[in-house]
Structure formats: C-alpha cells, structure tokens
Amino acid sequence: MIEEGGDNAFRVTDLAARCDVAIGLLYHYYKDRDGLIAAVRESQFLARIESDVEMLSNIVSHQGNADEILKILVDDMSDPRNKIRNEFRLDRMDALVAARHNPDLMQRLTNAEARLSAEIVAAVQQAKLDGLVDPAVDDKALAFMLEVIPLGTALSNVYGDYLPEPEAWRTLVTRMLLSLLPPA
C-alpha cells in the first residue's frame, strides 16, 4: 500500500480492512502509523542485501575461490541490467529517502546497516586470511565499496544510451576487484 500511494496516502484503517484484522491489533504491534511505515521501509531496505551478505559470507567462510566470489559480486550483485535487482536497489533508495525526514526510521536503517556492515567487514577479514584480498586493503573501505557499486547501478534506470555494454561493464568491475587481490 505504501508503494502504491506513498507514505502520505497510507492509512492504518485501510491496511486493517485489507488484512481483515482489527485496527487495534496493528497498534498492538506498532506504536503508531509512523512506526508501521518505518517497519515497512526498514524491510524494503534489507530485502535483498541480507541474503547477499549471507551468501558472500558463506562462500568466503567455506574457503571459496576468487571465481565464485567474483561471480556473486560482478554477475549477481552489480549487474545494472538485472530488473529484479534494480527493484531492490530502488526500494533501498526509497527507504533512504523516507528516512531523510524521519529520525526513527533513520536510526533503524543506521542500526540495520551497522549490522550488515559488520558482517561484510568480517567476510573481508576472512577473505584476507584466505589470501583472497590484499591485507593492505582497508576492511571498511572495501565493505563500503561492495555496497556502493550495486546500489549505484540503479542509475541504469535513467542512464539510457550511455549504459555500457554488459561485457564492458563486467570487465571493468572484474578488473577493479582483481586489483584487490594480494600481490603475487
């Protein structure tokens, strides 16, 4: 309902009617309308990234090789033409925009991102131990980059004729990530 009409058009009474529950039940679980919206926006923000981080962590912790990791980072997470992933990216941006004027939501997203970032940093540290990442690479900088690149590819929705060819994009991202390998 929030995606259909936006935060301003959202009414708790309409949600209760659509779900066929008493409005009091919703207020039992959410302090107020803003709390319910914040929960939805937080869910949007986390929808795909949690499973991506878990998948990456699992591969690294099971001593995955660079090819497996590159496939996830380049072909799955960073493909600007993947329409399903673009929807998730836009949902994350929607949540960030909504948090701009909602301190409670901003705090929720900050807490969620801190948890995700810690998991990514741990995966980076494990990758360093496994010889997959140069020990000189800053853990937090790499963790940040691993989220920024996929999120930034949401620009593909408006990039038009300037969107690079798939193989050119794949080559660039692969070269960039390969530069993070330990020196030979």
C-alpha atoms as a PDB file:
ATOM      1  CA  MET A   1       0.000   0.000   0.000  1.00  0.00           C
ATOM      2  CA  ILE A   2       2.885   2.346   0.743  1.00  0.00           C
ATOM      3  CA  GLU A   3       4.426   1.581  -2.643  1.00  0.00           C
ATOM      4  CA  GLU A   4       1.056   2.108  -4.329  1.00  0.00           C
ATOM      5  CA  GLY A   5       0.311   5.539  -2.915  1.00  0.00           C
ATOM      6  CA  GLY A   6       3.269   6.681  -0.860  1.00  0.00           C
ATOM      7  CA  ASP A   7       3.621   7.410   2.830  1.00  0.00           C
ATOM      8  CA  ASN A   8       1.192  10.329   2.822  1.00  0.00           C
ATOM      9  CA  ALA A   9      -1.666   8.314   1.312  1.00  0.00           C
ATOM     10  CA  PHE A  10      -1.179   5.364   3.655  1.00  0.00           C
ATOM     11  CA  ARG A  11      -3.953   4.863   6.212  1.00  0.00           C
ATOM     12  CA  VAL A  12      -3.800   2.302   9.006  1.00  0.00           C
ATOM     13  CA  THR A  13      -7.576   1.807   8.759  1.00  0.00           C
ATOM     14  CA  ASP A  14      -7.189   0.849   5.080  1.00  0.00           C
ATOM     15  CA  LEU A  15      -4.465  -1.644   5.985  1.00  0.00           C
ATOM     16  CA  ALA A  16      -6.612  -3.182   8.718  1.00  0.00           C
ATOM     17  CA  ALA A  17      -9.507  -3.519   6.278  1.00  0.00           C
ATOM     18  CA  ARG A  18      -7.300  -5.044   3.570  1.00  0.00           C
ATOM     19  CA  CYS A  19      -5.843  -7.544   6.057  1.00  0.00           C
ATOM     20  CA  ASP A  20      -9.232  -8.165   7.648  1.00  0.00           C
ATOM     21  CA  VAL A  21      -7.911  -7.500  11.155  1.00  0.00           C
ATOM     22  CA  ALA A  22      -8.934  -5.119  13.885  1.00  0.00           C
ATOM     23  CA  ILE A  23      -7.077  -1.828  13.844  1.00  0.00           C
ATOM     24  CA  GLY A  24      -6.184  -2.377  17.495  1.00  0.00           C
ATOM     25  CA  LEU A  25      -4.161  -5.437  16.505  1.00  0.00           C
ATOM     26  CA  LEU A  26      -1.931  -3.287  14.306  1.00  0.00           C
ATOM     27  CA  TYR A  27      -1.464  -0.765  17.095  1.00  0.00           C
ATOM     28  CA  HIS A  28      -0.580  -3.612  19.425  1.00  0.00           C
ATOM     29  CA  TYR A  29       2.488  -4.333  17.285  1.00  0.00           C
ATOM     30  CA  TYR A  30       3.275  -0.783  16.107  1.00  0.00           C
ATOM     31  CA  LYS A  31       3.288   2.278  18.327  1.00  0.00           C
ATOM     32  CA  ASP A  32       1.720   4.442  15.643  1.00  0.00           C
ATOM     33  CA  ARG A  33       1.347   4.929  11.897  1.00  0.00           C
ATOM     34  CA  ASP A  34       4.912   6.195  11.579  1.00  0.00           C
ATOM     35  CA  GLY A  35       6.214   3.108  13.368  1.00  0.00           C
ATOM     36  CA  LEU A  36       4.403   0.876  10.915  1.00  0.00           C
ATOM     37  CA  ILE A  37       5.762   2.846   7.940  1.00  0.00           C
ATOM     38  CA  ALA A  38       9.262   2.701   9.436  1.00  0.00           C
ATOM     39  CA  ALA A  39       8.986  -1.092   9.728  1.00  0.00           C
ATOM     40  CA  VAL A  40       7.938  -1.360   6.073  1.00  0.00           C
ATOM     41  CA  ARG A  41      10.741   0.934   4.926  1.00  0.00           C
ATOM     42  CA  GLU A  42      13.290  -0.984   7.004  1.00  0.00           C
ATOM     43  CA  SER A  43      12.078  -4.202   5.419  1.00  0.00           C
ATOM     44  CA  GLN A  44      12.476  -2.630   1.966  1.00  0.00           C
ATOM     45  CA  PHE A  45      15.981  -1.519   2.852  1.00  0.00           C
ATOM     46  CA  LEU A  46      17.003  -5.018   3.926  1.00  0.00           C
ATOM     47  CA  ALA A  47      15.016  -7.091   1.414  1.00  0.00           C
ATOM     48  CA  ARG A  48      17.835  -8.482  -0.706  1.00  0.00           C
ATOM     49  CA  ILE A  49      21.030  -7.212   0.878  1.00  0.00           C
ATOM     50  CA  GLU A  50      20.781  -9.528   3.889  1.00  0.00           C
ATOM     51  CA  SER A  51      20.710 -12.639   1.715  1.00  0.00           C
ATOM     52  CA  ASP A  52      23.527 -11.264  -0.479  1.00  0.00           C
ATOM     53  CA  VAL A  53      25.741 -10.648   2.544  1.00  0.00           C
ATOM     54  CA  GLU A  54      24.944 -14.089   3.934  1.00  0.00           C
ATOM     55  CA  MET A  55      25.735 -15.742   0.589  1.00  0.00           C
ATOM     56  CA  LEU A  56      29.038 -13.866   0.305  1.00  0.00           C
ATOM     57  CA  SER A  57      29.967 -14.668   3.905  1.00  0.00           C
ATOM     58  CA  ASN A  58      29.180 -18.349   3.387  1.00  0.00           C
ATOM     59  CA  ILE A  59      31.370 -18.602   0.312  1.00  0.00           C
ATOM     60  CA  VAL A  60      34.272 -16.819   1.990  1.00  0.00           C
ATOM     61  CA  SER A  61      33.948 -18.814   5.228  1.00  0.00           C
ATOM     62  CA  HIS A  62      33.926 -22.071   3.271  1.00  0.00           C
ATOM     63  CA  GLN A  63      37.165 -21.090   1.568  1.00  0.00           C
ATOM     64  CA  GLY A  64      35.541 -20.214  -1.713  1.00  0.00           C
ATOM     65  CA  ASN A  65      37.739 -19.245  -4.582  1.00  0.00           C
ATOM     66  CA  ALA A  66      38.074 -15.890  -6.287  1.00  0.00           C
ATOM     67  CA  ASP A  67      35.961 -17.015  -9.268  1.00  0.00           C
ATOM     68  CA  GLU A  68      32.964 -17.848  -7.044  1.00  0.00           C
ATOM     69  CA  ILE A  69      33.254 -14.541  -5.240  1.00  0.00           C
ATOM     70  CA  LEU A  70      33.625 -12.580  -8.480  1.00  0.00           C
ATOM     71  CA  LYS A  71      30.533 -14.252  -9.893  1.00  0.00           C
ATOM     72  CA  ILE A  72      28.466 -13.062  -6.957  1.00  0.00           C
ATOM     73  CA  LEU A  73      29.936  -9.563  -6.894  1.00  0.00           C
ATOM     74  CA  VAL A  74      30.022  -8.942 -10.630  1.00  0.00           C
ATOM     75  CA  ASP A  75      27.325 -11.069 -12.243  1.00  0.00           C
ATOM     76  CA  ASP A  76      24.767 -11.127  -9.468  1.00  0.00           C
ATOM     77  CA  MET A  77      25.104  -8.054  -7.262  1.00  0.00           C
ATOM     78  CA  SER A  78      26.446  -5.495  -9.764  1.00  0.00           C
ATOM     79  CA  ASP A  79      24.582  -6.252 -12.981  1.00  0.00           C
ATOM     80  CA  PRO A  80      22.917  -2.964 -13.948  1.00  0.00           C
ATOM     81  CA  ARG A  81      20.538  -4.707 -16.362  1.00  0.00           C
ATOM     82  CA  ASN A  82      19.027  -7.079 -13.817  1.00  0.00           C
ATOM     83  CA  LYS A  83      15.476  -5.740 -13.476  1.00  0.00           C
ATOM     84  CA  ILE A  84      14.670  -7.663 -10.279  1.00  0.00           C
ATOM     85  CA  ARG A  85      17.821  -6.398  -8.571  1.00  0.00           C
ATOM     86  CA  ASN A  86      17.058  -2.878  -9.761  1.00  0.00           C
ATOM     87  CA  GLU A  87      13.722  -3.055  -7.965  1.00  0.00           C
ATOM     88  CA  PHE A  88      15.514  -3.979  -4.741  1.00  0.00           C
ATOM     89  CA  ARG A  89      18.015  -1.157  -5.275  1.00  0.00           C
ATOM     90  CA  LEU A  90      15.206   1.339  -5.769  1.00  0.00           C
ATOM     91  CA  ASP A  91      13.467   0.021  -2.649  1.00  0.00           C
ATOM     92  CA  ARG A  92      16.659   0.676  -0.682  1.00  0.00           C
ATOM     93  CA  MET A  93      16.760   4.195  -2.065  1.00  0.00           C
ATOM     94  CA  ASP A  94      13.075   4.716  -1.243  1.00  0.00           C
ATOM     95  CA  ALA A  95      13.819   3.751   2.343  1.00  0.00           C
ATOM     96  CA  LEU A  96      16.776   6.149   2.496  1.00  0.00           C
ATOM     97  CA  VAL A  97      14.699   8.988   1.075  1.00  0.00           C
ATOM     98  CA  ALA A  98      11.898   8.274   3.542  1.00  0.00           C
ATOM     99  CA  ALA A  99      14.422   8.334   6.397  1.00  0.00           C
ATOM    100  CA  ARG A 100      15.593  11.803   5.441  1.00  0.00           C
ATOM    101  CA  HIS A 101      12.813  13.423   7.471  1.00  0.00           C
ATOM    102  CA  ASN A 102      12.084  10.554   9.848  1.00  0.00           C
ATOM    103  CA  PRO A 103      14.654  10.286  12.662  1.00  0.00           C
ATOM    104  CA  ASP A 104      13.188   6.996  13.932  1.00  0.00           C
ATOM    105  CA  LEU A 105      13.500   5.382  10.501  1.00  0.00           C
ATOM    106  CA  MET A 106      16.985   6.833  10.051  1.00  0.00           C
ATOM    107  CA  GLN A 107      18.036   5.226  13.329  1.00  0.00           C
ATOM    108  CA  ARG A 108      16.505   1.894  12.320  1.00  0.00           C
ATOM    109  CA  LEU A 109      18.337   1.962   8.986  1.00  0.00           C
ATOM    110  CA  THR A 110      21.573   3.031  10.674  1.00  0.00           C
ATOM    111  CA  ASN A 111      21.311   0.116  13.108  1.00  0.00           C
ATOM    112  CA  ALA A 112      20.488  -2.331  10.317  1.00  0.00           C
ATOM    113  CA  GLU A 113      23.357  -1.040   8.199  1.00  0.00           C
ATOM    114  CA  ALA A 114      25.778  -1.285  11.130  1.00  0.00           C
ATOM    115  CA  ARG A 115      24.859  -4.961  11.497  1.00  0.00           C
ATOM    116  CA  LEU A 116      25.241  -5.605   7.763  1.00  0.00           C
ATOM    117  CA  SER A 117      28.494  -3.670   7.579  1.00  0.00           C
ATOM    118  CA  ALA A 118      29.940  -5.681  10.454  1.00  0.00           C
ATOM    119  CA  GLU A 119      29.081  -8.882   8.578  1.00  0.00           C
ATOM    120  CA  ILE A 120      30.680  -7.597   5.375  1.00  0.00           C
ATOM    121  CA  VAL A 121      33.802  -6.469   7.250  1.00  0.00           C
ATOM    122  CA  ALA A 122      34.032  -9.929   8.828  1.00  0.00           C
ATOM    123  CA  ALA A 123      33.791 -11.511   5.363  1.00  0.00           C
ATOM    124  CA  VAL A 124      36.526  -9.176   4.099  1.00  0.00           C
ATOM    125  CA  GLN A 125      38.739 -10.094   7.053  1.00  0.00           C
ATOM    126  CA  GLN A 126      38.178 -13.790   6.363  1.00  0.00           C
ATOM    127  CA  ALA A 127      38.953 -13.242   2.683  1.00  0.00           C
ATOM    128  CA  LYS A 128      42.228 -11.620   3.720  1.00  0.00           C
ATOM    129  CA  LEU A 129      43.089 -14.628   5.883  1.00  0.00           C
ATOM    130  CA  ASP A 130      42.296 -16.919   2.939  1.00  0.00           C
ATOM    131  CA  GLY A 131      44.563 -14.928   0.629  1.00  0.00           C
ATOM    132  CA  LEU A 132      41.692 -13.582  -1.471  1.00  0.00           C
ATOM    133  CA  VAL A 133      42.162  -9.916  -0.546  1.00  0.00           C
ATOM    134  CA  ASP A 134      45.343  -7.903  -0.166  1.00  0.00           C
ATOM    135  CA  PRO A 135      45.970  -7.347   3.573  1.00  0.00           C
ATOM    136  CA  ALA A 136      46.752  -3.684   2.794  1.00  0.00           C
ATOM    137  CA  VAL A 137      43.142  -3.039   1.691  1.00  0.00           C
ATOM    138  CA  ASP A 138      41.102  -1.234   4.347  1.00  0.00           C
ATOM    139  CA  ASP A 139      38.288  -3.502   5.579  1.00  0.00           C
ATOM    140  CA  LYS A 140      35.699  -0.751   5.978  1.00  0.00           C
ATOM    141  CA  ALA A 141      36.525   0.905   2.663  1.00  0.00           C
ATOM    142  CA  LEU A 142      36.103  -2.389   0.803  1.00  0.00           C
ATOM    143  CA  ALA A 143      32.895  -3.215   2.679  1.00  0.00           C
ATOM    144  CA  PHE A 144      31.504   0.199   1.739  1.00  0.00           C
ATOM    145  CA  MET A 145      32.508  -0.230  -1.902  1.00  0.00           C
ATOM    146  CA  LEU A 146      30.839  -3.647  -2.045  1.00  0.00           C
ATOM    147  CA  GLU A 147      27.537  -1.972  -1.188  1.00  0.00           C
ATOM    148  CA  VAL A 148      28.013   1.229  -3.155  1.00  0.00           C
ATOM    149  CA  ILE A 149      28.660  -0.363  -6.544  1.00  0.00           C
ATOM    150  CA  PRO A 150      25.445  -2.435  -6.680  1.00  0.00           C
ATOM    151  CA  LEU A 151      23.357   0.392  -5.234  1.00  0.00           C
ATOM    152  CA  GLY A 152      24.831   2.852  -7.708  1.00  0.00           C
ATOM    153  CA  THR A 153      23.847   0.653 -10.621  1.00  0.00           C
ATOM    154  CA  ALA A 154      20.252   1.742 -10.006  1.00  0.00           C
ATOM    155  CA  LEU A 155      21.221   4.678 -12.214  1.00  0.00           C
ATOM    156  CA  SER A 156      20.808   2.240 -15.091  1.00  0.00           C
ATOM    157  CA  ASN A 157      17.093   3.057 -14.894  1.00  0.00           C
ATOM    158  CA  VAL A 158      17.811   6.513 -16.335  1.00  0.00           C
ATOM    159  CA  TYR A 159      21.220   6.096 -17.981  1.00  0.00           C
ATOM    160  CA  GLY A 160      19.796   5.485 -21.445  1.00  0.00           C
ATOM    161  CA  ASP A 161      22.265   5.245 -24.331  1.00  0.00           C
ATOM    162  CA  TYR A 162      25.236   5.807 -22.018  1.00  0.00           C
ATOM    163  CA  LEU A 163      24.821   2.492 -20.207  1.00  0.00           C
ATOM    164  CA  PRO A 164      27.924   0.460 -21.058  1.00  0.00           C
ATOM    165  CA  GLU A 165      27.678  -2.826 -22.897  1.00  0.00           C
ATOM    166  CA  PRO A 166      27.322  -5.761 -20.489  1.00  0.00           C
ATOM    167  CA  GLU A 167      30.758  -7.208 -21.247  1.00  0.00           C
ATOM    168  CA  ALA A 168      32.471  -3.818 -20.927  1.00  0.00           C
ATOM    169  CA  TRP A 169      30.849  -3.289 -17.512  1.00  0.00           C
ATOM    170  CA  ARG A 170      31.707  -6.810 -16.382  1.00  0.00           C
ATOM    171  CA  THR A 171      35.331  -6.362 -17.488  1.00  0.00           C
ATOM    172  CA  LEU A 172      35.682  -3.056 -15.648  1.00  0.00           C
ATOM    173  CA  VAL A 173      34.192  -4.301 -12.370  1.00  0.00           C
ATOM    174  CA  THR A 174      36.207  -7.527 -12.576  1.00  0.00           C
ATOM    175  CA  ARG A 175      39.460  -5.610 -13.164  1.00  0.00           C
ATOM    176  CA  MET A 176      38.685  -3.322 -10.275  1.00  0.00           C
ATOM    177  CA  LEU A 177      38.004  -6.232  -7.923  1.00  0.00           C
ATOM    178  CA  LEU A 178      41.013  -8.233  -9.137  1.00  0.00           C
ATOM    179  CA  SER A 179      43.186  -5.276  -8.171  1.00  0.00           C
ATOM    180  CA  LEU A 180      42.283  -6.101  -4.568  1.00  0.00           C
ATOM    181  CA  LEU A 181      43.998  -9.494  -4.697  1.00  0.00           C
ATOM    182  CA  PRO A 182      47.207  -9.888  -2.730  1.00  0.00           C
ATOM    183  CA  PRO A 183      50.370  -9.096  -4.701  1.00  0.00           C
ATOM    184  CA  ALA A 184      51.809 -12.152  -6.459  1.00  0.00           C
END
